[in-house]
C-alpha atoms as a PDB file:
ATOM      1  CA  MET A   1      -4.493  27.210  -2.573  1.00  0.00           C
ATOM      2  CA  SER A   2      -5.018  24.751   0.794  1.00  0.00           C
ATOM      3  CA  GLU A   3      -8.355  23.791   1.503  1.00  0.00           C
ATOM      4  CA  SER A   4      -8.156  25.246   4.843  1.00  0.00           C
ATOM      5  CA  LYS A   5      -7.234  28.799   2.977  1.00  0.00           C
ATOM      6  CA  ARG A   6     -10.554  28.755   0.778  1.00  0.00           C
ATOM      7  CA  SER A   7     -12.594  27.767   4.063  1.00  0.00           C
ATOM      8  CA  GLY A   8     -11.152  30.627   5.910  1.00  0.00           C
ATOM      9  CA  GLY A   9      -9.375  28.216   8.805  1.00  0.00           C
ATOM     10  CA  GLN A  10      -6.340  27.976   9.592  1.00  0.00           C
ATOM     11  CA  GLY A  11      -3.689  28.973   6.942  1.00  0.00           C
ATOM     12  CA  ARG A  12      -0.741  27.175   6.439  1.00  0.00           C
ATOM     13  CA  GLY A  13       1.525  28.903   9.838  1.00  0.00           C
ATOM     14  CA  GLY A  14      -1.361  29.091  11.908  1.00  0.00           C
ATOM     15  CA  SER A  15      -1.263  27.877  14.901  1.00  0.00           C
ATOM     16  CA  GLY A  16      -5.288  26.739  15.644  1.00  0.00           C
ATOM     17  CA  GLY A  17      -6.381  30.196  15.990  1.00  0.00           C
ATOM     18  CA  GLN A  18      -9.072  32.009  13.988  1.00  0.00           C
ATOM     19  CA  GLY A  19      -8.389  32.428  10.124  1.00  0.00           C
ATOM     20  CA  ARG A  20      -8.982  35.549   8.497  1.00  0.00           C
ATOM     21  CA  ALA A  21     -12.888  35.634   8.579  1.00  0.00           C
ATOM     22  CA  GLY A  22     -12.797  35.903  11.628  1.00  0.00           C
ATOM     23  CA  ARG A  23     -10.054  38.428  12.854  1.00  0.00           C
ATOM     24  CA  ALA A  24     -11.425  41.864  14.387  1.00  0.00           C
ATOM     25  CA  GLY A  25     -12.059  44.691  12.577  1.00  0.00           C
ATOM     26  CA  PRO A  26     -10.764  48.039  12.352  1.00  0.00           C
ATOM     27  CA  GLY A  27     -12.625  49.534  15.419  1.00  0.00           C
ATOM     28  CA  GLY A  28     -11.640  46.803  17.241  1.00  0.00           C
ATOM     29  CA  THR A  29     -14.259  44.994  17.714  1.00  0.00           C
ATOM     30  CA  ALA A  30     -13.749  41.175  18.007  1.00  0.00           C
ATOM     31  CA  GLY A  31     -16.719  40.124  15.249  1.00  0.00           C
ATOM     32  CA  PRO A  32     -20.301  39.941  14.710  1.00  0.00           C
ATOM     33  CA  ARG A  33     -22.396  41.105  17.693  1.00  0.00           C
ATOM     34  CA  ARG A  34     -25.058  38.371  19.394  1.00  0.00           C
ATOM     35  CA  ALA A  35     -28.542  38.679  18.289  1.00  0.00           C
ATOM     36  CA  GLY A  36     -30.142  40.566  20.890  1.00  0.00           C
ATOM     37  CA  GLY A  37     -26.868  41.899  22.286  1.00  0.00           C
ATOM     38  CA  SER A  38     -26.720  45.114  23.926  1.00  0.00           C
ATOM     39  CA  ALA A  39     -25.848  47.718  20.774  1.00  0.00           C
ATOM     40  CA  GLY A  40     -23.069  49.583  22.379  1.00  0.00           C
ATOM     41  CA  ARG A  41     -21.254  46.543  24.116  1.00  0.00           C
ATOM     42  CA  PRO A  42     -18.820  44.228  21.761  1.00  0.00           C
ATOM     43  CA  THR A  43     -20.081  40.937  21.948  1.00  0.00           C
ATOM     44  CA  ARG A  44     -17.326  38.292  23.817  1.00  0.00           C
ATOM     45  CA  ARG A  45     -16.461  35.611  21.483  1.00  0.00           C
ATOM     46  CA  ARG A  46     -16.866  31.326  22.732  1.00  0.00           C
ATOM     47  CA  ARG A  47     -13.532  29.356  21.642  1.00  0.00           C
ATOM     48  CA  ALA A  48     -14.189  25.712  21.325  1.00  0.00           C
ATOM     49  CA  ASN A  49     -11.077  24.346  22.626  1.00  0.00           C
ATOM     50  CA  PRO A  50      -9.217  23.613  19.272  1.00  0.00           C
ATOM     51  CA  PRO A  51      -7.191  20.571  18.465  1.00  0.00           C
ATOM     52  CA  ARG A  52      -3.507  20.703  19.058  1.00  0.00           C
ATOM     53  CA  PRO A  53      -2.051  23.110  16.575  1.00  0.00           C
ATOM     54  CA  ASP A  54       1.076  21.316  14.171  1.00  0.00           C
ATOM     55  CA  HIS A  55       3.744  23.191  16.076  1.00  0.00           C
ATOM     56  CA  ASP A  56       3.435  21.000  18.564  1.00  0.00           C
ATOM     57  CA  VAL A  57       5.202  18.814  16.069  1.00  0.00           C
ATOM     58  CA  HIS A  58       7.165  20.475  14.655  1.00  0.00           C
ATOM     59  CA  ASP A  59      11.098  21.267  14.344  1.00  0.00           C
ATOM     60  CA  PRO A  60      12.303  24.158  13.293  1.00  0.00           C
ATOM     61  CA  GLY A  61      15.412  21.991  12.240  1.00  0.00           C
ATOM     62  CA  GLY A  62      13.974  19.214  10.806  1.00  0.00           C
ATOM     63  CA  VAL A  63      12.979  18.053   7.540  1.00  0.00           C
ATOM     64  CA  ARG A  64      10.036  18.716   5.275  1.00  0.00           C
ATOM     65  CA  LEU A  65       7.435  16.271   5.894  1.00  0.00           C
ATOM     66  CA  GLN A  66       6.573  15.945   2.301  1.00  0.00           C
ATOM     67  CA  LYS A  67       9.722  15.816   1.662  1.00  0.00           C
ATOM     68  CA  LEU A  68      10.549  12.591   4.244  1.00  0.00           C
ATOM     69  CA  LEU A  69       6.965  10.625   2.695  1.00  0.00           C
ATOM     70  CA  ALA A  70       8.123  10.891  -0.718  1.00  0.00           C
ATOM     71  CA  GLY A  71      11.511   9.752   0.197  1.00  0.00           C
ATOM     72  CA  ALA A  72       9.857   6.802   1.906  1.00  0.00           C
ATOM     73  CA  GLY A  73       7.702   5.528  -1.373  1.00  0.00           C
ATOM     74  CA  PHE A  74       4.971   7.677  -0.935  1.00  0.00           C
ATOM     75  CA  GLY A  75       4.843   9.208  -4.239  1.00  0.00           C
ATOM     76  CA  SER A  76       5.790  12.487  -5.239  1.00  0.00           C
ATOM     77  CA  ARG A  77       6.018  15.717  -3.525  1.00  0.00           C
ATOM     78  CA  ARG A  78       2.797  16.790  -4.524  1.00  0.00           C
ATOM     79  CA  ALA A  79       1.355  13.639  -3.891  1.00  0.00           C
ATOM     80  CA  CYS A  80       2.329  13.539  -0.265  1.00  0.00           C
ATOM     81  CA  GLU A  81       1.460  17.230   0.420  1.00  0.00           C
ATOM     82  CA  LYS A  82      -2.083  15.901  -0.705  1.00  0.00           C
ATOM     83  CA  LEU A  83      -1.788  12.948   2.025  1.00  0.00           C
ATOM     84  CA  ILE A  84      -0.660  15.900   4.299  1.00  0.00           C
ATOM     85  CA  GLU A  85      -3.707  17.493   3.726  1.00  0.00           C
ATOM     86  CA  ASP A  86      -6.356  14.822   3.458  1.00  0.00           C
ATOM     87  CA  GLY A  87      -5.577  14.365   7.298  1.00  0.00           C
ATOM     88  CA  ARG A  88      -3.911  10.694   6.970  1.00  0.00           C
ATOM     89  CA  VAL A  89      -0.659  11.862   8.206  1.00  0.00           C
ATOM     90  CA  GLU A  90       0.070  11.361  12.100  1.00  0.00           C
ATOM     91  CA  VAL A  91       3.517  12.424  13.920  1.00  0.00           C
ATOM     92  CA  ASP A  92       4.042  11.340  16.836  1.00  0.00           C
ATOM     93  CA  GLU A  93       0.433  10.843  17.169  1.00  0.00           C
ATOM     94  CA  GLN A  94      -1.245  13.900  16.127  1.00  0.00           C
ATOM     95  CA  ILE A  95      -2.597  14.205  12.610  1.00  0.00           C
ATOM     96  CA  VAL A  96      -0.748  17.016  10.616  1.00  0.00           C
ATOM     97  CA  THR A  97      -3.011  19.397   8.138  1.00  0.00           C
ATOM     98  CA  GLU A  98       0.153  21.631   7.924  1.00  0.00           C
ATOM     99  CA  LEU A  99       2.556  21.949   4.449  1.00  0.00           C
ATOM    100  CA  GLY A 100       4.920  23.550   6.675  1.00  0.00           C
ATOM    101  CA  VAL A 101       5.891  21.054   9.213  1.00  0.00           C
ATOM    102  CA  ARG A 102       9.630  19.479   9.940  1.00  0.00           C
ATOM    103  CA  VAL A 103       9.757  16.553  12.032  1.00  0.00           C
ATOM    104  CA  ASP A 104      13.342  15.297  12.947  1.00  0.00           C
ATOM    105  CA  PRO A 105      13.609  11.239  11.190  1.00  0.00           C
ATOM    106  CA  ALA A 106      15.500  10.863  14.206  1.00  0.00           C
ATOM    107  CA  ARG A 107      13.191  11.112  17.126  1.00  0.00           C
ATOM    108  CA  GLN A 108       9.818  11.479  15.725  1.00  0.00           C
ATOM    109  CA  VAL A 109       7.338   8.593  14.826  1.00  0.00           C
ATOM    110  CA  VAL A 110       5.091   9.195  11.493  1.00  0.00           C
ATOM    111  CA  ARG A 111       2.399   7.281  10.326  1.00  0.00           C
ATOM    112  CA  VAL A 112      -0.007   7.535   6.835  1.00  0.00           C
ATOM    113  CA  ASP A 113      -3.928   5.570   7.570  1.00  0.00           C
ATOM    114  CA  GLY A 114      -2.529   4.609  10.700  1.00  0.00           C
ATOM    115  CA  ASP A 115       0.906   2.689   9.748  1.00  0.00           C
ATOM    116  CA  ARG A 116       4.493   3.188  10.781  1.00  0.00           C
ATOM    117  CA  VAL A 117       6.320   5.028   7.969  1.00  0.00           C
ATOM    118  CA  VAL A 118      10.522   4.775   8.472  1.00  0.00           C
ATOM    119  CA  VAL A 119      11.677   8.131   7.426  1.00  0.00           C
ATOM    120  CA  ASP A 120      15.000   7.699   9.366  1.00  0.00           C
ATOM    121  CA  THR A 121      17.460   6.885   6.237  1.00  0.00           C
ATOM    122  CA  ASP A 122      20.169   5.789   9.032  1.00  0.00           C
ATOM    123  CA  LYS A 123      17.415   2.581   9.292  1.00  0.00           C
ATOM    124  CA  ILE A 124      18.274  -0.511   7.275  1.00  0.00           C
ATOM    125  CA  TYR A 125      15.791  -3.267   6.575  1.00  0.00           C
ATOM    126  CA  LEU A 126      16.770  -6.396   4.744  1.00  0.00           C
ATOM    127  CA  ALA A 127      15.406  -9.973   3.516  1.00  0.00           C
ATOM    128  CA  PHE A 128      18.360 -12.260   3.647  1.00  0.00           C
ATOM    129  CA  ASN A 129      18.722 -15.622   1.803  1.00  0.00           C
ATOM    130  CA  LYS A 130      20.570 -17.744   4.022  1.00  0.00           C
ATOM    131  CA  PRO A 131      22.630 -20.114   2.747  1.00  0.00           C
ATOM    132  CA  ALA A 132      22.928 -23.545   3.955  1.00  0.00           C
ATOM    133  CA  GLY A 133      26.325 -23.849   5.561  1.00  0.00           C
ATOM    134  CA  VAL A 134      25.872 -20.609   6.719  1.00  0.00           C
ATOM    135  CA  VAL A 135      26.261 -19.494  11.200  1.00  0.00           C
ATOM    136  CA  SER A 136      23.213 -16.869  11.841  1.00  0.00           C
ATOM    137  CA  SER A 137      25.605 -14.454  13.440  1.00  0.00           C
ATOM    138  CA  MET A 138      27.908 -11.868  12.599  1.00  0.00           C
ATOM    139  CA  GLN A 139      31.178 -13.263  13.338  1.00  0.00           C
ATOM    140  CA  ASP A 140      31.377 -17.147  14.221  1.00  0.00           C
ATOM    141  CA  GLU A 141      34.146 -18.318  16.694  1.00  0.00           C
ATOM    142  CA  GLU A 142      35.009 -21.275  14.408  1.00  0.00           C
ATOM    143  CA  GLY A 143      35.936 -19.505  11.259  1.00  0.00           C
ATOM    144  CA  ARG A 144      32.837 -20.675   9.602  1.00  0.00           C
ATOM    145  CA  PRO A 145      31.044 -18.909   6.651  1.00  0.00           C
ATOM    146  CA  ASP A 146      28.677 -16.524   8.594  1.00  0.00           C
ATOM    147  CA  LEU A 147      26.435 -13.251   7.503  1.00  0.00           C
ATOM    148  CA  SER A 148      29.742 -10.681   7.302  1.00  0.00           C
ATOM    149  CA  ASP A 149      30.699 -12.844   4.573  1.00  0.00           C
ATOM    150  CA  TYR A 150      27.750 -11.139   2.699  1.00  0.00           C
ATOM    151  CA  VAL A 151      26.775  -8.230   4.668  1.00  0.00           C
ATOM    152  CA  GLY A 152      29.990  -7.358   6.475  1.00  0.00           C
ATOM    153  CA  HIS A 153      30.284  -4.509   3.654  1.00  0.00           C
ATOM    154  CA  LEU A 154      27.307  -2.440   5.470  1.00  0.00           C
ATOM    155  CA  SER A 155      28.718   0.218   7.749  1.00  0.00           C
ATOM    156  CA  GLN A 156      25.603   0.076   9.785  1.00  0.00           C
ATOM    157  CA  ARG A 157      25.923  -2.950  12.461  1.00  0.00           C
ATOM    158  CA  LEU A 158      22.428  -6.031  11.784  1.00  0.00           C
ATOM    159  CA  PHE A 159      20.445  -7.293  13.938  1.00  0.00           C
ATOM    160  CA  HIS A 160      19.337 -11.048  12.634  1.00  0.00           C
ATOM    161  CA  VAL A 161      15.709 -11.264  13.509  1.00  0.00           C
ATOM    162  CA  GLY A 162      15.538 -14.997  14.331  1.00  0.00           C
ATOM    163  CA  ARG A 163      17.996 -17.627  14.378  1.00  0.00           C
ATOM    164  CA  LEU A 164      18.209 -20.227  11.604  1.00  0.00           C
ATOM    165  CA  ASP A 165      20.324 -23.568  11.891  1.00  0.00           C
ATOM    166  CA  VAL A 166      23.850 -24.503   9.936  1.00  0.00           C
ATOM    167  CA  ASP A 167      21.793 -26.700   7.927  1.00  0.00           C
ATOM    168  CA  THR A 168      18.891 -24.902   7.377  1.00  0.00           C
ATOM    169  CA  GLU A 169      18.126 -22.270   4.560  1.00  0.00           C
ATOM    170  CA  GLY A 170      15.962 -19.546   3.790  1.00  0.00           C
ATOM    171  CA  LEU A 171      14.815 -16.087   5.196  1.00  0.00           C
ATOM    172  CA  LEU A 172      16.550 -14.134   7.958  1.00  0.00           C
ATOM    173  CA  LEU A 173      15.795 -10.255   8.471  1.00  0.00           C
ATOM    174  CA  LEU A 174      18.524  -8.106   8.629  1.00  0.00           C
ATOM    175  CA  THR A 175      17.978  -4.707  10.211  1.00  0.00           C
ATOM    176  CA  ASN A 176      19.693  -1.873  12.722  1.00  0.00           C
ATOM    177  CA  ASP A 177      16.365  -1.459  14.116  1.00  0.00           C
ATOM    178  CA  GLY A 178      16.783  -3.110  17.524  1.00  0.00           C
ATOM    179  CA  ASP A 179      13.612  -1.805  19.012  1.00  0.00           C
ATOM    180  CA  LEU A 180      11.655  -3.883  16.389  1.00  0.00           C
ATOM    181  CA  SER A 181      14.337  -6.663  16.407  1.00  0.00           C
ATOM    182  CA  HIS A 182      13.395  -7.361  19.522  1.00  0.00           C
ATOM    183  CA  ARG A 183       9.376  -6.939  18.824  1.00  0.00           C
ATOM    184  CA  LEU A 184       9.726  -9.565  15.938  1.00  0.00           C
ATOM    185  CA  GLN A 185      11.419 -12.366  17.926  1.00  0.00           C
ATOM    186  CA  HIS A 186       9.281 -11.824  21.279  1.00  0.00           C
ATOM    187  CA  PRO A 187       6.548 -14.999  21.652  1.00  0.00           C
ATOM    188  CA  ALA A 188       4.413 -12.346  23.234  1.00  0.00           C
ATOM    189  CA  TYR A 189       3.877 -10.904  19.747  1.00  0.00           C
ATOM    190  CA  GLY A 190       3.124 -13.880  17.453  1.00  0.00           C
ATOM    191  CA  VAL A 191       4.705 -13.144  14.870  1.00  0.00           C
ATOM    192  CA  PRO A 192       3.945 -16.139  12.536  1.00  0.00           C
ATOM    193  CA  LYS A 193       7.752 -18.136  10.763  1.00  0.00           C
ATOM    194  CA  THR A 194       6.949 -20.229   7.660  1.00  0.00           C
ATOM    195  CA  TYR A 195       9.089 -22.943   6.570  1.00  0.00           C
ATOM    196  CA  VAL A 196       8.972 -26.148   3.961  1.00  0.00           C
ATOM    197  CA  ALA A 197      10.750 -29.337   5.325  1.00  0.00           C
ATOM    198  CA  GLN A 198      11.218 -32.064   2.927  1.00  0.00           C
ATOM    199  CA  VAL A 199      10.770 -35.409   5.258  1.00  0.00           C
ATOM    200  CA  ASP A 200      10.855 -39.420   5.028  1.00  0.00           C
ATOM    201  CA  GLY A 201       7.753 -40.595   4.211  1.00  0.00           C
ATOM    202  CA  VAL A 202       4.500 -40.679   3.725  1.00  0.00           C
ATOM    203  CA  VAL A 203       3.051 -38.567   6.098  1.00  0.00           C
ATOM    204  CA  GLY A 204      -0.368 -39.549   7.098  1.00  0.00           C
ATOM    205  CA  PRO A 205      -4.023 -37.994   7.780  1.00  0.00           C
ATOM    206  CA  GLY A 206      -3.045 -37.427  11.359  1.00  0.00           C
ATOM    207  CA  VAL A 207      -0.258 -35.498  11.600  1.00  0.00           C
ATOM    208  CA  GLY A 208      -1.967 -32.498  11.246  1.00  0.00           C
ATOM    209  CA  LYS A 209      -4.171 -32.669  14.122  1.00  0.00           C
ATOM    210  CA  GLN A 210      -1.405 -33.995  16.272  1.00  0.00           C
ATOM    211  CA  LEU A 211       1.557 -31.463  15.876  1.00  0.00           C
ATOM    212  CA  ARG A 212      -1.766 -28.373  16.347  1.00  0.00           C
ATOM    213  CA  GLU A 213      -2.583 -29.780  19.452  1.00  0.00           C
ATOM    214  CA  GLY A 214       1.305 -29.939  20.303  1.00  0.00           C
ATOM    215  CA  VAL A 215       4.030 -32.653  21.053  1.00  0.00           C
ATOM    216  CA  GLN A 216       5.757 -33.125  24.209  1.00  0.00           C
ATOM    217  CA  LEU A 217       9.540 -31.804  23.425  1.00  0.00           C
ATOM    218  CA  GLU A 218      12.181 -31.944  26.392  1.00  0.00           C
ATOM    219  CA  ASP A 219      12.538 -28.363  27.203  1.00  0.00           C
ATOM    220  CA  GLY A 220       8.116 -28.725  26.985  1.00  0.00           C
ATOM    221  CA  LEU A 221       4.897 -28.655  24.492  1.00  0.00           C
ATOM    222  CA  ALA A 222       5.592 -27.532  21.595  1.00  0.00           C
ATOM    223  CA  ARG A 223       2.734 -26.564  18.548  1.00  0.00           C
ATOM    224  CA  VAL A 224       1.914 -25.454  15.167  1.00  0.00           C
ATOM    225  CA  ASP A 225       0.091 -22.746  13.909  1.00  0.00           C
ATOM    226  CA  SER A 226      -0.577 -24.864  10.715  1.00  0.00           C
ATOM    227  CA  PHE A 227       0.716 -27.761   9.054  1.00  0.00           C
ATOM    228  CA  LYS A 228      -0.047 -29.205   5.772  1.00  0.00           C
ATOM    229  CA  VAL A 229       1.348 -31.244   2.992  1.00  0.00           C
ATOM    230  CA  VAL A 230       2.648 -30.037  -0.067  1.00  0.00           C
ATOM    231  CA  ASP A 231       3.973 -32.353  -2.434  1.00  0.00           C
ATOM    232  CA  ASP A 232       4.503 -36.333  -2.466  1.00  0.00           C
ATOM    233  CA  ILE A 233       7.410 -37.639  -3.842  1.00  0.00           C
ATOM    234  CA  PRO A 234       8.667 -41.139  -3.891  1.00  0.00           C
ATOM    235  CA  GLY A 235       9.837 -42.190  -0.218  1.00  0.00           C
ATOM    236  CA  HIS A 236       9.815 -38.534   0.763  1.00  0.00           C
ATOM    237  CA  SER A 237       6.671 -36.278   1.413  1.00  0.00           C
ATOM    238  CA  ILE A 238       7.235 -31.745   0.938  1.00  0.00           C
ATOM    239  CA  VAL A 239       5.491 -30.145   4.110  1.00  0.00           C
ATOM    240  CA  GLU A 240       4.592 -26.607   4.869  1.00  0.00           C
ATOM    241  CA  VAL A 241       4.530 -25.639   8.912  1.00  0.00           C
ATOM    242  CA  VAL A 242       4.108 -22.186  10.413  1.00  0.00           C
ATOM    243  CA  LEU A 243       4.667 -21.505  13.840  1.00  0.00           C
ATOM    244  CA  HIS A 244       4.932 -18.027  16.298  1.00  0.00           C
ATOM    245  CA  GLU A 245       7.834 -19.540  18.076  1.00  0.00           C
ATOM    246  CA  GLY A 246      11.265 -19.804  17.845  1.00  0.00           C
ATOM    247  CA  ARG A 247      12.844 -22.659  19.984  1.00  0.00           C
ATOM    248  CA  LYS A 248      15.873 -23.880  19.311  1.00  0.00           C
ATOM    249  CA  HIS A 249      15.415 -26.261  16.172  1.00  0.00           C
ATOM    250  CA  ILE A 250      11.926 -26.661  16.707  1.00  0.00           C
ATOM    251  CA  VAL A 251      10.708 -27.601  13.549  1.00  0.00           C
ATOM    252  CA  ARG A 252      13.320 -30.250  12.802  1.00  0.00           C
ATOM    253  CA  ARG A 253      12.259 -31.544  16.754  1.00  0.00           C
ATOM    254  CA  MET A 254       8.660 -31.304  16.527  1.00  0.00           C
ATOM    255  CA  LEU A 255       8.821 -33.019  12.946  1.00  0.00           C
ATOM    256  CA  ASP A 256      10.832 -36.004  14.543  1.00  0.00           C
ATOM    257  CA  GLU A 257       8.818 -36.499  16.911  1.00  0.00           C
ATOM    258  CA  VAL A 258       6.045 -37.305  14.598  1.00  0.00           C
ATOM    259  CA  GLY A 259       8.236 -39.653  13.040  1.00  0.00           C
ATOM    260  CA  TYR A 260       9.581 -37.795   9.881  1.00  0.00           C
ATOM    261  CA  PRO A 261      12.698 -36.702  10.098  1.00  0.00           C
ATOM    262  CA  VAL A 262      13.783 -33.347   7.817  1.00  0.00           C
ATOM    263  CA  ARG A 263      16.412 -34.117   5.439  1.00  0.00           C
ATOM    264  CA  ALA A 264      15.837 -30.359   4.020  1.00  0.00           C
ATOM    265  CA  LEU A 265      14.262 -27.444   5.383  1.00  0.00           C
ATOM    266  CA  SER A 266      13.579 -23.754   4.509  1.00  0.00           C
ATOM    267  CA  ARG A 267      11.732 -20.660   5.924  1.00  0.00           C
ATOM    268  CA  VAL A 268       9.886 -18.855   3.274  1.00  0.00           C
ATOM    269  CA  GLN A 269       7.952 -16.289   4.788  1.00  0.00           C
ATOM    270  CA  ILE A 270       8.391 -14.069   8.164  1.00  0.00           C
ATOM    271  CA  GLY A 271       5.349 -12.142   9.286  1.00  0.00           C
ATOM    272  CA  PRO A 272       4.458 -10.257   5.961  1.00  0.00           C
ATOM    273  CA  VAL A 273       7.915 -10.736   4.154  1.00  0.00           C
ATOM    274  CA  LEU A 274       8.156 -13.790   1.610  1.00  0.00           C
ATOM    275  CA  LEU A 275      11.564 -14.959   0.194  1.00  0.00           C
ATOM    276  CA  GLY A 276       9.994 -15.323  -2.999  1.00  0.00           C
ATOM    277  CA  GLU A 277      13.101 -16.367  -5.815  1.00  0.00           C
ATOM    278  CA  MET A 278      15.801 -15.037  -3.953  1.00  0.00           C
ATOM    279  CA  ARG A 279      18.812 -16.890  -4.589  1.00  0.00           C
ATOM    280  CA  PRO A 280      20.368 -18.744  -1.246  1.00  0.00           C
ATOM    281  CA  GLY A 281      22.784 -15.887  -0.484  1.00  0.00           C
ATOM    282  CA  ARG A 282      21.056 -12.763  -2.263  1.00  0.00           C
ATOM    283  CA  TYR A 283      19.776  -9.867  -0.474  1.00  0.00           C
ATOM    284  CA  ARG A 284      17.187  -6.978  -1.246  1.00  0.00           C
ATOM    285  CA  ALA A 285      15.988  -4.136   1.118  1.00  0.00           C
ATOM    286  CA  LEU A 286      12.490  -4.298   2.132  1.00  0.00           C
ATOM    287  CA  SER A 287       9.609  -2.469   0.670  1.00  0.00           C
ATOM    288  CA  ALA A 288       8.041   0.477   2.726  1.00  0.00           C
ATOM    289  CA  GLU A 289       4.616  -1.625   2.943  1.00  0.00           C
ATOM    290  CA  GLU A 290       6.660  -4.484   3.997  1.00  0.00           C
ATOM    291  CA  VAL A 291       8.804  -2.095   6.794  1.00  0.00           C
ATOM    292  CA  ALA A 292       5.020  -0.873   7.490  1.00  0.00           C
ATOM    293  CA  GLN A 293       3.077  -4.774   8.048  1.00  0.00           C
ATOM    294  CA  LEU A 294       6.274  -5.517  10.260  1.00  0.00           C
ATOM    295  CA  TYR A 295       5.843  -2.984  12.628  1.00  0.00           C
ATOM    296  CA  ARG A 296       2.066  -3.764  12.956  1.00  0.00           C
ATOM    297  CA  ALA A 297       2.883  -6.967  13.324  1.00  0.00           C
ATOM    298  CA  ALA A 298       5.315  -5.947  16.219  1.00  0.00           C
ATOM    299  CA  GLY A 299       2.890  -3.644  17.808  1.00  0.00           C
ATOM    300  CA  MET A 300       4.554  -0.594  16.855  1.00  0.00           C
END
């Protein structure tokens, strides 16, 4: 039995009106009479303005909300029912507490604890480790290896989030969610990207400050969000660069400008998504938590 039924509030099929405890009695009275009121006249009840009833988001042709949540990785069907009963689930910005609600996953926005949940099973979100020598496009006019050689067998058309030049390897996000892809690439949302580079020489102590303050390139001033030396090897240094803009060859050009040409470059993180130990040429599906974090980073 749900909490609402035990307390006499809304039942599963309720629409914001009174539950059993507030129904009119056999004589047609609307409820208890006011203290001090006329003994022969029924008392008029004052109804508080209720929140929008759950049926405002209910789509009779949709899928049960708890089934969608279970499919999105939030546990068993019963665990997802508990999320709904506890008021932790929103559909189109409305908290839903009724277990009978159905939603259209292609049209409606579902959130758990404020984070967006992807319930549209047609949506694809992949992390791909692009090898060096592969072009960041689905079809290369020059016939070079491209992304279609690795994910072309998938039925959906995929967008790549950001580009990597042909000589740079590392993390690309691939998705058919055009809105999210656009937001993640827009500089206004400041989604950080992390690169690891091997450069010539031993990096001096003032280089990080110089890069954070900005260096002048042919297309304008460029700054990093953070910079650190990860390791020194004979004749070379390994450095980590974090920035949120995506101008062409931006990392290579900035490091070259401060006197440290790049010999090898890899992107290891985009927002909350890490490359990890995935080998070049492999891809994996993002977890529900990673997708929710990407939506949060993109302000969606």
